[in-house]
């Protein structure tokens, strides 16, 4: 019986040490998710910064679809003027609005690149070609940053709900709330695929 008692005490000690070792997991995972979110914002800002030059370059193409250009300009303006609240990571309405605005810009830019196929003189310009390459690279970085954030939030939210994180949440970190998750939507994260090497119809 004595050995059984020692074994039980040893097991309890191991569990206690393990639980104590996880006391900082919640703030650690929170910081990781916040850093991932900052990277998402950085990549979206990088894309937004490309838009004015892209629009100006496209304007040089004769008879380019004005509705397409206007959609890009309006979507870019909405992204630029929307103020993100400090609690966006735990605010579902704010996160949904952020997603909607960025999704609208993604769709508008995708449409612009598709329409650009019809303007061989535009596709032939070095400036447009460079901007298109930068945009595709940025879309790739956005997709990676989003996936990193999704994973970081999953780890953080799971820690709040599972043992021993749930105990530390109740005792030490009551003010920490689950973070809102980005949606994995191909229409918002896929890179626009446009073949600028083939000819189009001149206008």
C-alpha atoms as a PDB file:
ATOM      1  CA  UNK A   1       0.000   0.000   0.000  1.00  0.00           C
ATOM      2  CA  UNK A   2       2.906   2.318   0.787  1.00  0.00           C
ATOM      3  CA  UNK A   3       4.254   1.986  -2.767  1.00  0.00           C
ATOM      4  CA  UNK A   4       0.790   2.656  -4.160  1.00  0.00           C
ATOM      5  CA  UNK A   5       0.592   5.818  -2.064  1.00  0.00           C
ATOM      6  CA  UNK A   6       3.988   6.955  -3.296  1.00  0.00           C
ATOM      7  CA  UNK A   7       2.964   6.257  -6.869  1.00  0.00           C
ATOM      8  CA  UNK A   8      -0.220   8.309  -6.461  1.00  0.00           C
ATOM      9  CA  UNK A   9       1.685  11.185  -4.877  1.00  0.00           C
ATOM     10  CA  UNK A  10       4.280  11.051  -7.646  1.00  0.00           C
ATOM     11  CA  UNK A  11       1.544  11.119 -10.271  1.00  0.00           C
ATOM     12  CA  UNK A  12      -0.122  14.077  -8.592  1.00  0.00           C
ATOM     13  CA  UNK A  13       3.207  15.880  -8.410  1.00  0.00           C
ATOM     14  CA  UNK A  14       3.814  15.291 -12.127  1.00  0.00           C
ATOM     15  CA  UNK A  15       0.350  16.633 -13.000  1.00  0.00           C
ATOM     16  CA  UNK A  16       0.838  19.697 -10.780  1.00  0.00           C
ATOM     17  CA  UNK A  17       4.252  20.470 -12.281  1.00  0.00           C
ATOM     18  CA  UNK A  18       2.840  20.030 -15.790  1.00  0.00           C
ATOM     19  CA  UNK A  19      -0.105  22.304 -15.016  1.00  0.00           C
ATOM     20  CA  UNK A  20       2.151  24.957 -13.476  1.00  0.00           C
ATOM     21  CA  UNK A  21       4.352  24.804 -16.551  1.00  0.00           C
ATOM     22  CA  UNK A  22       1.381  25.857 -18.673  1.00  0.00           C
ATOM     23  CA  UNK A  23       0.404  28.883 -16.583  1.00  0.00           C
ATOM     24  CA  UNK A  24       1.854  31.287 -19.178  1.00  0.00           C
ATOM     25  CA  UNK A  25       0.415  29.555 -22.242  1.00  0.00           C
ATOM     26  CA  UNK A  26      -2.610  31.840 -22.553  1.00  0.00           C
ATOM     27  CA  UNK A  27      -0.654  35.135 -22.720  1.00  0.00           C
ATOM     28  CA  UNK A  28       1.994  33.453 -24.859  1.00  0.00           C
ATOM     29  CA  UNK A  29      -0.553  32.193 -27.389  1.00  0.00           C
ATOM     30  CA  UNK A  30      -2.363  35.527 -27.263  1.00  0.00           C
ATOM     31  CA  UNK A  31       0.837  37.343 -28.206  1.00  0.00           C
ATOM     32  CA  UNK A  32       1.451  34.885 -31.022  1.00  0.00           C
ATOM     33  CA  UNK A  33      -2.054  35.428 -32.421  1.00  0.00           C
ATOM     34  CA  UNK A  34      -1.697  39.212 -32.126  1.00  0.00           C
ATOM     35  CA  UNK A  35       1.619  39.094 -33.975  1.00  0.00           C
ATOM     36  CA  UNK A  36       0.032  36.976 -36.711  1.00  0.00           C
ATOM     37  CA  UNK A  37      -2.817  39.465 -36.982  1.00  0.00           C
ATOM     38  CA  UNK A  38      -0.346  42.325 -37.370  1.00  0.00           C
ATOM     39  CA  UNK A  39       1.218  40.442 -40.267  1.00  0.00           C
ATOM     40  CA  UNK A  40      -2.204  40.023 -41.895  1.00  0.00           C
ATOM     41  CA  UNK A  41      -2.744  43.781 -41.650  1.00  0.00           C
ATOM     42  CA  UNK A  42       0.738  44.481 -43.001  1.00  0.00           C
ATOM     43  CA  UNK A  43       0.146  42.371 -46.097  1.00  0.00           C
ATOM     44  CA  UNK A  44      -3.272  43.895 -46.748  1.00  0.00           C
ATOM     45  CA  UNK A  45      -1.729  47.359 -46.410  1.00  0.00           C
ATOM     46  CA  UNK A  46       0.988  46.366 -48.858  1.00  0.00           C
ATOM     47  CA  UNK A  47      -1.723  45.447 -51.357  1.00  0.00           C
ATOM     48  CA  UNK A  48      -3.666  48.644 -50.742  1.00  0.00           C
ATOM     49  CA  UNK A  49      -0.509  50.661 -51.378  1.00  0.00           C
ATOM     50  CA  UNK A  50      -0.158  49.059 -54.817  1.00  0.00           C
ATOM     51  CA  UNK A  51      -3.657  50.033 -55.919  1.00  0.00           C
ATOM     52  CA  UNK A  52      -3.129  53.763 -56.713  1.00  0.00           C
ATOM     53  CA  UNK A  53      -0.196  53.029 -59.031  1.00  0.00           C
ATOM     54  CA  UNK A  54      -2.067  50.164 -60.627  1.00  0.00           C
ATOM     55  CA  UNK A  55      -5.116  52.344 -61.273  1.00  0.00           C
ATOM     56  CA  UNK A  56      -3.017  55.149 -62.733  1.00  0.00           C
ATOM     57  CA  UNK A  57      -1.250  52.706 -65.052  1.00  0.00           C
ATOM     58  CA  UNK A  58      -4.499  51.149 -66.230  1.00  0.00           C
ATOM     59  CA  UNK A  59      -6.005  54.574 -66.876  1.00  0.00           C
ATOM     60  CA  UNK A  60      -3.462  54.985 -69.626  1.00  0.00           C
ATOM     61  CA  UNK A  61      -5.140  52.254 -71.680  1.00  0.00           C
ATOM     62  CA  UNK A  62      -7.594  53.730 -74.154  1.00  0.00           C
ATOM     63  CA  UNK A  63     -11.271  52.961 -73.480  1.00  0.00           C
ATOM     64  CA  UNK A  64     -10.521  50.837 -70.415  1.00  0.00           C
ATOM     65  CA  UNK A  65     -13.723  49.805 -68.616  1.00  0.00           C
ATOM     66  CA  UNK A  66     -14.555  52.680 -66.283  1.00  0.00           C
ATOM     67  CA  UNK A  67     -16.877  50.574 -64.139  1.00  0.00           C
ATOM     68  CA  UNK A  68     -14.022  48.189 -63.381  1.00  0.00           C
ATOM     69  CA  UNK A  69     -11.695  51.016 -62.410  1.00  0.00           C
ATOM     70  CA  UNK A  70     -14.359  52.657 -60.268  1.00  0.00           C
ATOM     71  CA  UNK A  71     -15.020  49.398 -58.419  1.00  0.00           C
ATOM     72  CA  UNK A  72     -11.329  49.122 -57.535  1.00  0.00           C
ATOM     73  CA  UNK A  73     -11.094  52.765 -56.458  1.00  0.00           C
ATOM     74  CA  UNK A  74     -14.232  52.530 -54.306  1.00  0.00           C
ATOM     75  CA  UNK A  75     -13.173  49.252 -52.698  1.00  0.00           C
ATOM     76  CA  UNK A  76      -9.712  50.679 -51.965  1.00  0.00           C
ATOM     77  CA  UNK A  77     -11.263  53.808 -50.455  1.00  0.00           C
ATOM     78  CA  UNK A  78     -13.512  51.752 -48.185  1.00  0.00           C
ATOM     79  CA  UNK A  79     -10.565  49.700 -46.970  1.00  0.00           C
ATOM     80  CA  UNK A  80      -8.546  52.838 -46.317  1.00  0.00           C
ATOM     81  CA  UNK A  81     -11.222  54.779 -44.450  1.00  0.00           C
ATOM     82  CA  UNK A  82     -12.596  52.014 -42.234  1.00  0.00           C
ATOM     83  CA  UNK A  83     -11.351  52.411 -38.670  1.00  0.00           C
ATOM     84  CA  UNK A  84     -10.510  49.110 -37.010  1.00  0.00           C
ATOM     85  CA  UNK A  85     -11.609  49.048 -33.347  1.00  0.00           C
ATOM     86  CA  UNK A  86      -9.056  48.000 -30.748  1.00  0.00           C
ATOM     87  CA  UNK A  87     -11.189  44.970 -29.871  1.00  0.00           C
ATOM     88  CA  UNK A  88     -11.484  43.682 -33.444  1.00  0.00           C
ATOM     89  CA  UNK A  89      -9.943  40.320 -32.537  1.00  0.00           C
ATOM     90  CA  UNK A  90     -12.819  39.614 -30.139  1.00  0.00           C
ATOM     91  CA  UNK A  91     -15.506  41.626 -31.958  1.00  0.00           C
ATOM     92  CA  UNK A  92     -17.407  39.483 -34.487  1.00  0.00           C
ATOM     93  CA  UNK A  93     -19.142  42.412 -36.202  1.00  0.00           C
ATOM     94  CA  UNK A  94     -15.895  44.319 -36.686  1.00  0.00           C
ATOM     95  CA  UNK A  95     -14.114  41.231 -37.985  1.00  0.00           C
ATOM     96  CA  UNK A  96     -16.941  40.475 -40.414  1.00  0.00           C
ATOM     97  CA  UNK A  97     -16.820  44.043 -41.723  1.00  0.00           C
ATOM     98  CA  UNK A  98     -13.064  43.811 -42.156  1.00  0.00           C
ATOM     99  CA  UNK A  99     -13.475  40.580 -44.106  1.00  0.00           C
ATOM    100  CA  UNK A 100     -16.222  42.074 -46.272  1.00  0.00           C
ATOM    101  CA  UNK A 101     -14.155  45.141 -47.162  1.00  0.00           C
ATOM    102  CA  UNK A 102     -11.033  43.162 -47.999  1.00  0.00           C
ATOM    103  CA  UNK A 103     -13.076  40.644 -49.953  1.00  0.00           C
ATOM    104  CA  UNK A 104     -14.607  43.420 -52.036  1.00  0.00           C
ATOM    105  CA  UNK A 105     -11.150  44.741 -52.910  1.00  0.00           C
ATOM    106  CA  UNK A 106      -9.945  41.249 -53.781  1.00  0.00           C
ATOM    107  CA  UNK A 107     -12.880  40.778 -56.147  1.00  0.00           C
ATOM    108  CA  UNK A 108     -12.426  44.193 -57.740  1.00  0.00           C
ATOM    109  CA  UNK A 109      -8.711  43.621 -58.351  1.00  0.00           C
ATOM    110  CA  UNK A 110      -9.355  40.172 -59.772  1.00  0.00           C
ATOM    111  CA  UNK A 111     -11.885  41.662 -62.179  1.00  0.00           C
ATOM    112  CA  UNK A 112      -9.440  44.392 -63.206  1.00  0.00           C
ATOM    113  CA  UNK A 113      -6.739  41.861 -64.061  1.00  0.00           C
ATOM    114  CA  UNK A 114      -9.150  39.730 -66.041  1.00  0.00           C
ATOM    115  CA  UNK A 115     -10.396  42.723 -68.037  1.00  0.00           C
ATOM    116  CA  UNK A 116      -6.789  43.769 -68.655  1.00  0.00           C
ATOM    117  CA  UNK A 117      -6.364  40.706 -70.860  1.00  0.00           C
ATOM    118  CA  UNK A 118      -8.307  42.580 -73.523  1.00  0.00           C
ATOM    119  CA  UNK A 119      -5.670  45.340 -73.703  1.00  0.00           C
ATOM    120  CA  UNK A 120      -2.431  44.010 -75.218  1.00  0.00           C
ATOM    121  CA  UNK A 121      -0.885  47.483 -75.265  1.00  0.00           C
ATOM    122  CA  UNK A 122      -1.394  47.669 -71.495  1.00  0.00           C
ATOM    123  CA  UNK A 123      -0.041  44.202 -70.832  1.00  0.00           C
ATOM    124  CA  UNK A 124       3.048  45.036 -72.861  1.00  0.00           C
ATOM    125  CA  UNK A 125       4.066  47.908 -70.574  1.00  0.00           C
ATOM    126  CA  UNK A 126       6.829  47.164 -68.073  1.00  0.00           C
ATOM    127  CA  UNK A 127       5.163  49.160 -65.321  1.00  0.00           C
ATOM    128  CA  UNK A 128       1.930  47.199 -65.524  1.00  0.00           C
ATOM    129  CA  UNK A 129       3.791  43.903 -65.701  1.00  0.00           C
ATOM    130  CA  UNK A 130       5.765  44.798 -62.565  1.00  0.00           C
ATOM    131  CA  UNK A 131       2.670  45.873 -60.683  1.00  0.00           C
ATOM    132  CA  UNK A 132       0.850  42.704 -61.670  1.00  0.00           C
ATOM    133  CA  UNK A 133       3.761  40.591 -60.403  1.00  0.00           C
ATOM    134  CA  UNK A 134       3.875  42.548 -57.142  1.00  0.00           C
ATOM    135  CA  UNK A 135       0.133  42.109 -56.697  1.00  0.00           C
ATOM    136  CA  UNK A 136       0.306  38.361 -57.229  1.00  0.00           C
ATOM    137  CA  UNK A 137       3.200  38.098 -54.777  1.00  0.00           C
ATOM    138  CA  UNK A 138       1.253  40.118 -52.220  1.00  0.00           C
ATOM    139  CA  UNK A 139      -1.828  37.948 -52.635  1.00  0.00           C
ATOM    140  CA  UNK A 140       0.357  34.929 -51.913  1.00  0.00           C
ATOM    141  CA  UNK A 141       1.703  36.591 -48.766  1.00  0.00           C
ATOM    142  CA  UNK A 142      -1.815  37.500 -47.694  1.00  0.00           C
ATOM    143  CA  UNK A 143      -2.905  33.884 -48.024  1.00  0.00           C
ATOM    144  CA  UNK A 144       0.070  32.693 -45.944  1.00  0.00           C
ATOM    145  CA  UNK A 145      -0.465  35.380 -43.289  1.00  0.00           C
ATOM    146  CA  UNK A 146      -4.148  34.497 -43.031  1.00  0.00           C
ATOM    147  CA  UNK A 147      -3.405  30.814 -42.557  1.00  0.00           C
ATOM    148  CA  UNK A 148      -0.780  31.594 -39.891  1.00  0.00           C
ATOM    149  CA  UNK A 149      -3.319  33.753 -38.062  1.00  0.00           C
ATOM    150  CA  UNK A 150      -6.022  31.101 -38.328  1.00  0.00           C
ATOM    151  CA  UNK A 151      -3.675  28.546 -36.793  1.00  0.00           C
ATOM    152  CA  UNK A 152      -2.535  30.899 -34.013  1.00  0.00           C
ATOM    153  CA  UNK A 153      -6.124  31.749 -33.081  1.00  0.00           C
ATOM    154  CA  UNK A 154      -7.075  28.071 -33.080  1.00  0.00           C
ATOM    155  CA  UNK A 155      -4.276  27.309 -30.604  1.00  0.00           C
ATOM    156  CA  UNK A 156      -5.215  30.262 -28.386  1.00  0.00           C
ATOM    157  CA  UNK A 157      -8.952  29.523 -28.356  1.00  0.00           C
ATOM    158  CA  UNK A 158      -8.319  25.847 -27.676  1.00  0.00           C
ATOM    159  CA  UNK A 159      -6.118  26.749 -24.701  1.00  0.00           C
ATOM    160  CA  UNK A 160      -8.952  28.782 -23.173  1.00  0.00           C
ATOM    161  CA  UNK A 161     -11.320  25.812 -23.331  1.00  0.00           C
ATOM    162  CA  UNK A 162      -9.179  22.808 -22.447  1.00  0.00           C
ATOM    163  CA  UNK A 163      -7.338  21.581 -19.338  1.00  0.00           C
ATOM    164  CA  UNK A 164      -5.240  23.018 -17.805  1.00  0.00           C
ATOM    165  CA  UNK A 165      -5.698  26.269 -19.742  1.00  0.00           C
ATOM    166  CA  UNK A 166      -9.362  26.496 -18.750  1.00  0.00           C
ATOM    167  CA  UNK A 167      -8.331  26.490 -15.084  1.00  0.00           C
ATOM    168  CA  UNK A 168      -5.800  29.281 -15.554  1.00  0.00           C
ATOM    169  CA  UNK A 169      -8.389  31.155 -17.629  1.00  0.00           C
ATOM    170  CA  UNK A 170     -10.845  31.006 -14.729  1.00  0.00           C
ATOM    171  CA  UNK A 171      -8.254  31.917 -12.091  1.00  0.00           C
ATOM    172  CA  UNK A 172      -5.807  34.329 -13.715  1.00  0.00           C
ATOM    173  CA  UNK A 173      -7.062  35.360 -17.162  1.00  0.00           C
ATOM    174  CA  UNK A 174     -10.790  35.948 -16.830  1.00  0.00           C
ATOM    175  CA  UNK A 175     -10.580  39.018 -19.022  1.00  0.00           C
ATOM    176  CA  UNK A 176      -9.257  37.025 -21.998  1.00  0.00           C
ATOM    177  CA  UNK A 177     -11.942  36.317 -24.583  1.00  0.00           C
ATOM    178  CA  UNK A 178     -11.892  33.885 -27.519  1.00  0.00           C
ATOM    179  CA  UNK A 179     -10.637  35.531 -30.688  1.00  0.00           C
ATOM    180  CA  UNK A 180     -12.639  35.827 -33.874  1.00  0.00           C
ATOM    181  CA  UNK A 181     -11.490  33.615 -36.686  1.00  0.00           C
ATOM    182  CA  UNK A 182     -10.954  34.501 -40.322  1.00  0.00           C
ATOM    183  CA  UNK A 183     -12.871  32.366 -42.742  1.00  0.00           C
ATOM    184  CA  UNK A 184     -11.006  30.159 -45.171  1.00  0.00           C
ATOM    185  CA  UNK A 185     -12.718  31.315 -48.340  1.00  0.00           C
ATOM    186  CA  UNK A 186     -10.974  30.561 -51.654  1.00  0.00           C
ATOM    187  CA  UNK A 187     -12.681  33.513 -53.348  1.00  0.00           C
ATOM    188  CA  UNK A 188     -10.876  35.852 -50.960  1.00  0.00           C
ATOM    189  CA  UNK A 189      -7.512  34.171 -50.673  1.00  0.00           C
ATOM    190  CA  UNK A 190      -6.758  32.770 -54.113  1.00  0.00           C
ATOM    191  CA  UNK A 191      -4.277  34.561 -56.324  1.00  0.00           C
ATOM    192  CA  UNK A 192      -5.807  36.031 -59.490  1.00  0.00           C
ATOM    193  CA  UNK A 193      -4.624  33.859 -62.361  1.00  0.00           C
ATOM    194  CA  UNK A 194      -4.182  35.879 -65.500  1.00  0.00           C
ATOM    195  CA  UNK A 195      -1.982  34.899 -68.402  1.00  0.00           C
ATOM    196  CA  UNK A 196      -0.361  38.118 -69.612  1.00  0.00           C
ATOM    197  CA  UNK A 197       1.695  36.250 -72.157  1.00  0.00           C
ATOM    198  CA  UNK A 198      -1.126  35.679 -74.619  1.00  0.00           C
ATOM    199  CA  UNK A 199      -2.635  38.180 -76.943  1.00  0.00           C
ATOM    200  CA  UNK A 200      -6.019  39.774 -76.453  1.00  0.00           C
ATOM    201  CA  UNK A 201      -8.489  41.838 -78.357  1.00  0.00           C
ATOM    202  CA  UNK A 202      -7.380  45.384 -78.924  1.00  0.00           C
ATOM    203  CA  UNK A 203      -9.898  48.215 -78.431  1.00  0.00           C
END
